[in-house]
Amino acid sequence: MPRDYYEVLGVDRAATASDVKKAYKTQAKQHHPDLNPNDPEAEVRFKEAAEAYDVLSNDEKRRIYDQFGHEGLQGRGMGPDMNYGNVQDIFESLFGGGFADMFGGGRGRRAGPRAGADLEVPIQITFMEAAHGTTQKIAIPRRVRCTGCEGDGLKAGSHPKECTTCGGAGQVISAQGFLRIRTTCPSCRGQGKLVDPADRCTVCAGAGRVKETTELEIRIPAGSHRGLQIRHTGAGEAGDPGAPPGDLYVTLDVKPHELFKREGADVYVTIRVPYTVMALGGDIHVPTVHGEQELAVKSATASGYVHVLRGRGVDQLQRRGTRGDQHVRLVVDVPKKLSEEEEKLLRQLAEVQGTGVQEKGFWKNLFDKLTG
């Protein structure tokens, strides 16, 4: 089980964004692998600090983590993916890419083909589709690998040339006093190679990618919820030649239901029951997300009583094969209009119980007096 993120950064739960940032910078500098070459645990602590900062510096992730913990983030597709490249992205966003070289390191990310960009697409589904699962076809506009050049951006028989600025390294190092700052090569933009304009593919103009709208079928599992992200590996945009494509993240928005409410895997519903059934007992049919179910109401049931139907909620994503419960709240159904016979019987009941009720026609007579 991962450590508490607040404990990792050494801040309390009321810490401001500035406090979180300051604490991360302290931890990151202390545990950076380039500064701890003989400590095999340094990289673990370095990644752990980056993971904590990634969550606590993001308002939405922090809200979910505070409420549901690590499992809440995982269930919404926001769990950590802290490979070294991701950690360096976070680190360099605060310190800049030349930090390691200042200390004679140079463990920064190697130049090379870049992976494709990730895509995020929001879709809306109904309450019942989320409960039972469904499939949905969506159109994804994205850049895919050019078939004319297989993604290398070159005409047939052409070859790129080594960048003379960086010597094919993709990075250049500039000296500022005793400091060495490593940056992306401005000529080849980190590729290490250059292509003459005349050698570029005529289909994609040398980009190696072309725009395309692809129709994908998205499978939405039973028990899905609002905010859940479904990841489709490799369904994002094409990367550089030799690099993998990005991923597609489908974010769900679930429409509210007119009858059912939901908290996690549990479902809540309020049912109006005739007074006679609440008082004398009887069988009623109640709706569930899995169809109607007969429910025996005991005599003398108080209005507001909650009956729990075990296993009649929605599937639990983290525990396949198990469901939540349905909570049925029973309230007395007070009729808006009574027949003469119903009113007569109720007045007889009130008389037997000694209950003072409004006289028949009282409000009508009063209204006639005021308006007459």
Protein backbone atom coordinates (compact mmCIF):
# COMPACT_ATOMS: atom_id res chain seq x y z
CA MET A 1 0.00 0.00 0.00
CA PRO A 2 1.50 3.40 -0.98
CA ARG A 3 2.40 5.79 1.81
CA ASP A 4 0.13 8.72 2.61
CA TYR A 5 0.99 11.54 0.21
CA TYR A 6 0.91 14.18 2.93
CA GLU A 7 3.36 12.10 4.95
CA VAL A 8 5.65 11.72 1.92
CA LEU A 9 5.96 15.48 1.50
CA GLY A 10 5.87 16.22 5.21
CA VAL A 11 2.88 18.58 5.07
CA ASP A 12 -0.48 18.52 6.84
CA ARG A 13 -3.85 18.20 5.13
CA ALA A 14 -4.49 21.93 5.32
CA ALA A 15 -1.33 22.71 3.34
CA THR A 16 -1.69 25.33 0.62
CA ALA A 17 -0.56 24.84 -2.98
CA SER A 18 2.50 26.91 -2.17
CA ASP A 19 3.30 24.68 0.84
CA VAL A 20 2.99 21.55 -1.31
CA LYS A 21 5.25 22.98 -4.02
CA LYS A 22 7.88 24.08 -1.53
CA ALA A 23 7.85 20.70 0.23
CA TYR A 24 8.20 18.82 -3.06
CA LYS A 25 11.16 20.93 -4.18
CA THR A 26 12.89 20.17 -0.89
CA GLN A 27 12.25 16.42 -1.17
CA ALA A 28 13.16 16.28 -4.86
CA LYS A 29 16.51 18.02 -4.38
CA GLN A 30 17.30 15.85 -1.36
CA HIS A 31 16.57 12.54 -3.11
CA HIS A 32 17.53 13.25 -6.72
CA PRO A 33 19.42 10.13 -7.96
CA ASP A 34 22.21 12.23 -9.46
CA LEU A 35 22.96 13.62 -6.01
CA ASN A 36 22.78 10.17 -4.38
CA PRO A 37 24.70 7.86 -6.76
CA ASN A 38 25.48 5.33 -4.01
CA ASP A 39 21.97 5.17 -2.57
CA PRO A 40 19.73 2.68 -4.44
CA GLU A 41 16.69 3.89 -2.50
CA ALA A 42 17.09 7.49 -3.61
CA GLU A 43 15.28 6.97 -6.93
CA VAL A 44 12.38 5.27 -5.10
CA ARG A 45 11.99 8.24 -2.76
CA PHE A 46 12.45 10.66 -5.67
CA LYS A 47 9.59 9.01 -7.60
CA GLU A 48 7.46 8.81 -4.46
CA ALA A 49 7.80 12.56 -3.91
CA ALA A 50 6.88 13.25 -7.56
CA GLU A 51 3.82 11.01 -7.27
CA ALA A 52 2.68 12.82 -4.12
CA TYR A 53 3.20 16.23 -5.73
CA ASP A 54 1.35 15.17 -8.88
CA VAL A 55 -1.74 14.41 -6.78
CA LEU A 56 -1.63 17.15 -4.15
CA SER A 57 -0.86 19.93 -6.63
CA ASN A 58 -3.95 19.04 -8.70
CA ASP A 59 -7.21 20.29 -7.14
CA GLU A 60 -9.39 17.52 -8.59
CA LYS A 61 -6.98 14.69 -7.76
CA ARG A 62 -6.45 16.07 -4.26
CA ARG A 63 -10.22 16.28 -3.62
CA ILE A 64 -10.70 12.64 -4.69
CA TYR A 65 -7.66 11.50 -2.70
CA ASP A 66 -8.83 13.30 0.45
CA GLN A 67 -12.25 11.65 0.17
CA PHE A 68 -11.47 8.18 -1.16
CA GLY A 69 -7.71 7.68 -0.80
CA HIS A 70 -5.44 5.78 -3.21
CA GLU A 71 -8.25 3.44 -4.35
CA GLY A 72 -10.42 6.42 -5.30
CA LEU A 73 -7.74 7.68 -7.69
CA GLN A 74 -7.20 4.23 -9.20
CA GLY A 75 -10.95 3.75 -9.74
CA ARG A 76 -11.14 7.00 -11.69
CA GLY A 77 -8.15 6.25 -13.89
CA MET A 78 -6.02 8.84 -12.07
CA GLY A 79 -3.60 6.43 -10.50
CA PRO A 80 0.13 7.15 -10.72
CA ASP A 81 2.17 6.20 -13.78
CA MET A 82 5.52 7.32 -12.48
CA ASN A 83 8.13 6.10 -14.93
CA TYR A 84 11.38 8.06 -14.92
CA GLY A 85 10.30 10.23 -17.85
CA ASN A 86 7.12 11.35 -16.09
CA VAL A 87 9.06 12.10 -12.92
CA GLN A 88 11.56 14.19 -14.88
CA ASP A 89 8.71 16.12 -16.52
CA ILE A 90 7.41 17.12 -13.10
CA PHE A 91 10.90 17.87 -11.80
CA GLU A 92 11.97 19.93 -14.80
CA SER A 93 8.74 21.94 -14.74
CA LEU A 94 9.96 23.41 -11.45
CA PHE A 95 13.75 23.34 -11.81
CA GLY A 96 14.39 23.37 -15.55
CA GLY A 97 16.08 20.71 -17.66
CA GLY A 98 19.65 21.60 -16.71
CA PHE A 99 19.47 20.73 -13.00
CA ALA A 100 21.31 17.42 -13.26
CA ASP A 101 24.13 18.88 -15.36
CA MET A 102 24.76 21.54 -12.75
CA PHE A 103 26.03 18.73 -10.54
CA GLY A 104 27.94 16.87 -13.22
CA GLY A 105 25.17 14.36 -13.67
CA GLY A 106 23.55 14.10 -17.02
CA ARG A 107 21.03 11.40 -16.24
CA GLY A 108 18.33 13.45 -17.98
CA ARG A 109 16.17 11.85 -20.63
CA ARG A 110 18.03 10.78 -23.72
CA ALA A 111 17.18 12.31 -27.03
CA GLY A 112 15.18 10.01 -29.22
CA PRO A 113 11.86 9.46 -30.95
CA ARG A 114 8.93 10.94 -29.09
CA ALA A 115 5.86 8.93 -28.23
CA GLY A 116 2.53 10.09 -29.63
CA ALA A 117 0.31 12.49 -27.73
CA ASP A 118 -2.42 11.18 -25.47
CA LEU A 119 -6.02 12.12 -26.25
CA GLU A 120 -8.95 12.63 -23.90
CA VAL A 121 -12.56 12.38 -25.06
CA PRO A 122 -15.60 12.99 -22.80
CA ILE A 123 -18.77 10.98 -23.43
CA GLN A 124 -22.14 11.03 -21.69
CA ILE A 125 -24.12 7.92 -20.80
CA THR A 126 -27.34 7.25 -18.89
CA PHE A 127 -27.59 6.08 -15.29
CA MET A 128 -28.69 2.60 -16.40
CA GLU A 129 -25.90 2.33 -19.00
CA ALA A 130 -23.39 3.06 -16.25
CA ALA A 131 -25.03 0.51 -13.94
CA HIS A 132 -25.26 -2.35 -16.45
CA GLY A 133 -22.41 -1.51 -18.83
CA THR A 134 -22.69 -0.75 -22.52
CA THR A 135 -20.73 -0.14 -25.68
CA GLN A 136 -20.64 3.13 -27.55
CA LYS A 137 -19.11 4.12 -30.88
CA ILE A 138 -17.27 7.42 -30.96
CA ALA A 139 -15.44 9.32 -33.69
CA ILE A 140 -11.87 10.24 -32.76
CA PRO A 141 -10.05 12.90 -34.82
CA ARG A 142 -6.34 12.18 -34.50
CA ARG A 143 -3.04 12.13 -36.35
CA VAL A 144 -2.01 8.70 -37.60
CA ARG A 145 1.15 7.43 -39.26
CA CYS A 146 1.42 8.40 -42.92
CA THR A 147 1.14 5.35 -45.19
CA GLY A 148 3.06 7.13 -47.94
CA CYS A 149 6.31 7.17 -45.97
CA GLU A 150 5.55 4.83 -43.06
CA GLY A 151 5.95 7.73 -40.71
CA ASP A 152 9.51 8.82 -41.41
CA GLY A 153 8.46 11.83 -43.51
CA LEU A 154 10.80 10.92 -46.37
CA LYS A 155 10.35 10.15 -50.03
CA ALA A 156 11.26 6.64 -51.10
CA GLY A 157 15.04 6.26 -51.33
CA SER A 158 15.76 9.43 -49.31
CA HIS A 159 17.65 9.50 -46.04
CA PRO A 160 17.94 12.08 -43.26
CA LYS A 161 21.24 13.74 -42.48
CA GLU A 162 22.91 14.02 -39.12
CA CYS A 163 22.33 17.36 -37.44
CA THR A 164 25.58 19.33 -37.51
CA THR A 165 24.58 21.50 -34.55
CA CYS A 166 24.35 18.70 -32.00
CA GLY A 167 26.24 15.98 -33.84
CA GLY A 168 23.20 13.72 -33.76
CA ALA A 169 22.81 13.85 -29.97
CA GLY A 170 19.59 15.84 -30.03
CA GLN A 171 20.87 18.04 -27.20
CA VAL A 172 23.42 20.80 -26.85
CA ILE A 173 25.42 21.79 -23.78
CA SER A 174 26.31 25.37 -23.03
CA ALA A 175 28.77 26.42 -20.36
CA GLN A 176 28.01 29.30 -18.00
CA GLY A 177 30.96 29.63 -15.68
CA PHE A 178 31.30 26.36 -13.79
CA LEU A 179 27.76 25.32 -14.77
CA ARG A 180 26.88 23.11 -17.73
CA ILE A 181 23.34 23.52 -19.04
CA ARG A 182 21.89 20.85 -21.32
CA THR A 183 19.03 21.87 -23.62
CA THR A 184 17.17 20.48 -26.64
CA CYS A 185 18.94 21.16 -29.90
CA PRO A 186 17.26 24.17 -31.58
CA SER A 187 18.12 22.96 -35.10
CA CYS A 188 16.70 19.43 -35.07
CA ARG A 189 14.40 19.86 -32.04
CA GLY A 190 15.86 16.85 -30.30
CA GLN A 191 15.71 14.45 -33.24
CA GLY A 192 19.43 14.44 -34.01
CA LYS A 193 18.67 14.40 -37.74
CA LEU A 194 17.59 16.84 -40.42
CA VAL A 195 15.68 16.33 -43.68
CA ASP A 196 16.15 18.43 -46.82
CA PRO A 197 12.84 19.99 -47.98
CA ALA A 198 13.18 18.29 -51.38
CA ASP A 199 13.33 14.86 -49.70
CA ARG A 200 10.10 15.25 -47.73
CA CYS A 201 7.12 12.94 -48.35
CA THR A 202 4.56 14.63 -50.59
CA VAL A 203 1.61 12.99 -48.81
CA CYS A 204 2.31 14.37 -45.32
CA ALA A 205 4.73 17.18 -46.27
CA GLY A 206 7.42 15.54 -44.17
CA ALA A 207 5.37 15.44 -40.96
CA GLY A 208 5.16 11.64 -40.94
CA ARG A 209 1.55 11.90 -39.77
CA VAL A 210 -1.77 12.79 -41.37
CA LYS A 211 -5.11 13.76 -39.82
CA GLU A 212 -7.80 11.11 -39.74
CA THR A 213 -11.12 10.53 -38.00
CA THR A 214 -11.37 7.00 -36.65
CA GLU A 215 -14.50 5.34 -35.31
CA LEU A 216 -13.83 3.30 -32.19
CA GLU A 217 -16.14 1.09 -30.15
CA ILE A 218 -15.76 1.84 -26.47
CA ARG A 219 -16.71 -0.82 -23.93
CA ILE A 220 -18.04 0.67 -20.72
CA PRO A 221 -18.01 -1.81 -17.82
CA ALA A 222 -20.94 -2.36 -15.47
CA GLY A 223 -20.61 -0.23 -12.36
CA SER A 224 -19.00 2.71 -14.15
CA HIS A 225 -19.42 6.14 -12.60
CA ARG A 226 -19.07 9.81 -13.38
CA GLY A 227 -15.43 10.85 -13.76
CA LEU A 228 -14.18 7.34 -14.58
CA GLN A 229 -11.45 7.31 -17.22
CA ILE A 230 -11.22 4.31 -19.54
CA ARG A 231 -7.78 3.93 -21.08
CA HIS A 232 -7.28 2.56 -24.59
CA THR A 233 -3.59 1.90 -25.04
CA GLY A 234 -2.20 2.95 -28.40
CA ALA A 235 -5.40 4.67 -29.56
CA GLY A 236 -3.93 8.17 -29.27
CA GLU A 237 -1.89 10.04 -31.85
CA ALA A 238 0.99 8.46 -33.74
CA GLY A 239 4.50 9.02 -32.41
CA ASP A 240 7.80 9.53 -34.18
CA PRO A 241 9.15 6.57 -36.19
CA GLY A 242 10.21 3.90 -33.72
CA ALA A 243 8.12 5.38 -30.90
CA PRO A 244 4.76 4.09 -29.68
CA PRO A 245 1.49 5.96 -30.24
CA GLY A 246 -0.19 7.78 -27.39
CA ASP A 247 -3.18 6.50 -25.45
CA LEU A 248 -6.84 7.45 -25.54
CA TYR A 249 -8.62 8.32 -22.30
CA VAL A 250 -12.42 8.25 -22.39
CA THR A 251 -13.90 10.25 -19.48
CA LEU A 252 -17.46 9.40 -18.47
CA ASP A 253 -20.25 11.78 -17.56
CA VAL A 254 -23.38 10.05 -16.22
CA LYS A 255 -26.83 11.62 -16.49
CA PRO A 256 -28.82 11.69 -13.22
CA HIS A 257 -31.81 9.33 -12.90
CA GLU A 258 -35.27 10.64 -12.06
CA LEU A 259 -35.81 7.94 -9.42
CA PHE A 260 -32.51 6.39 -8.35
CA LYS A 261 -29.61 8.05 -6.57
CA ARG A 262 -26.21 6.46 -6.20
CA GLU A 263 -23.27 6.55 -3.81
CA GLY A 264 -20.47 4.25 -4.87
CA ALA A 265 -22.02 0.88 -5.64
CA ASP A 266 -25.08 1.50 -3.43
CA VAL A 267 -28.38 2.73 -4.88
CA TYR A 268 -31.03 4.76 -3.02
CA VAL A 269 -34.71 5.14 -3.84
CA THR A 270 -37.74 6.59 -2.04
CA ILE A 271 -41.07 4.78 -2.41
CA ARG A 272 -44.48 6.15 -1.40
CA VAL A 273 -46.64 3.50 0.28
CA PRO A 274 -50.36 3.76 1.13
CA TYR A 275 -51.09 4.46 4.82
CA THR A 276 -53.10 1.26 5.11
CA VAL A 277 -50.14 -0.88 4.01
CA MET A 278 -47.73 0.94 6.35
CA ALA A 279 -50.17 0.43 9.23
CA LEU A 280 -51.42 -3.09 8.53
CA GLY A 281 -48.55 -4.53 6.53
CA GLY A 282 -48.62 -5.99 3.05
CA ASP A 283 -46.65 -6.77 -0.09
CA ILE A 284 -45.54 -4.08 -2.54
CA HIS A 285 -43.39 -4.05 -5.67
CA VAL A 286 -40.37 -1.75 -5.66
CA PRO A 287 -38.16 -0.80 -8.62
CA THR A 288 -34.47 -1.73 -8.60
CA VAL A 289 -31.78 -1.23 -11.21
CA HIS A 290 -32.24 -4.91 -12.01
CA GLY A 291 -36.06 -4.87 -12.34
CA GLU A 292 -39.02 -4.94 -9.96
CA GLN A 293 -38.80 -6.86 -6.71
CA GLU A 294 -41.52 -7.80 -4.23
CA LEU A 295 -41.05 -6.38 -0.75
CA ALA A 296 -42.97 -7.39 2.37
CA VAL A 297 -43.86 -4.36 4.49
CA LYS A 298 -44.31 -5.16 8.15
CA SER A 299 -47.29 -3.80 10.08
CA ALA A 300 -46.77 -0.54 11.97
CA THR A 301 -43.89 0.52 9.72
CA ALA A 302 -42.88 4.12 10.45
CA SER A 303 -42.68 6.61 7.62
CA GLY A 304 -39.02 7.03 6.65
CA TYR A 305 -38.06 3.43 7.43
CA VAL A 306 -35.23 2.16 5.18
CA HIS A 307 -35.22 -1.44 3.94
CA VAL A 308 -31.91 -2.72 2.53
CA LEU A 309 -31.95 -5.11 -0.43
CA ARG A 310 -28.59 -6.84 -0.30
CA GLY A 311 -26.73 -7.22 -3.58
CA ARG A 312 -29.31 -5.25 -5.57
CA GLY A 313 -27.07 -2.25 -6.20
CA VAL A 314 -24.54 -1.91 -9.03
CA ASP A 315 -21.38 -3.88 -9.72
CA GLN A 316 -18.25 -2.90 -7.85
CA LEU A 317 -15.44 -2.11 -10.29
CA GLN A 318 -12.67 -3.01 -7.87
CA ARG A 319 -14.31 -6.26 -6.74
CA ARG A 320 -15.63 -8.14 -9.75
CA GLY A 321 -18.58 -10.40 -9.06
CA THR A 322 -19.88 -8.33 -6.14
CA ARG A 323 -22.55 -5.67 -6.02
CA GLY A 324 -23.59 -2.91 -3.70
CA ASP A 325 -26.97 -2.75 -1.95
CA GLN A 326 -30.20 -0.92 -2.70
CA HIS A 327 -31.65 1.19 0.09
CA VAL A 328 -35.44 1.55 -0.13
CA ARG A 329 -36.90 4.37 1.97
CA LEU A 330 -40.61 3.92 2.65
CA VAL A 331 -42.74 7.01 3.25
CA VAL A 332 -46.48 7.38 3.71
CA ASP A 333 -48.29 8.30 0.52
CA VAL A 334 -50.79 11.04 1.40
CA PRO A 335 -53.49 11.28 -1.30
CA LYS A 336 -54.06 14.73 -2.76
CA LYS A 337 -57.78 14.08 -3.20
CA LEU A 338 -60.20 11.84 -1.30
CA SER A 339 -63.51 10.38 -2.31
CA GLU A 340 -66.49 11.01 -0.02
CA GLU A 341 -66.32 7.43 1.25
CA GLU A 342 -62.56 7.66 1.95
CA GLU A 343 -63.00 10.93 3.82
CA LYS A 344 -65.86 9.46 5.85
CA LEU A 345 -63.80 6.44 6.85
CA LEU A 346 -60.79 8.56 7.80
CA ARG A 347 -62.93 10.83 9.95
CA GLN A 348 -64.31 7.77 11.71
CA LEU A 349 -60.74 6.60 12.33
CA ALA A 350 -59.76 10.03 13.67
CA GLU A 351 -62.76 9.93 16.01
CA VAL A 352 -61.78 6.47 17.29
CA GLN A 353 -58.20 7.64 17.86
CA GLY A 354 -59.32 10.88 19.44
CA THR A 355 -57.38 12.90 16.92
CA GLY A 356 -58.50 16.47 16.31
CA VAL A 357 -58.82 17.03 12.57
CA GLN A 358 -60.01 19.90 10.46
CA GLU A 359 -63.78 20.18 10.22
CA LYS A 360 -65.29 19.27 6.89
CA GLY A 361 -65.68 22.34 4.68
CA PHE A 362 -64.00 24.63 7.25
CA TRP A 363 -61.57 26.28 4.84
CA LYS A 364 -64.23 26.59 2.14
CA ASN A 365 -66.63 28.37 4.52
CA LEU A 366 -63.86 30.66 5.74
CA PHE A 367 -62.88 31.53 2.17
CA ASP A 368 -66.54 32.32 1.31
CA LYS A 369 -66.74 34.68 4.28
CA LEU A 370 -63.58 36.53 3.31
CA THR A 371 -64.57 36.94 -0.33
CA GLY A 372 -68.32 37.31 0.08
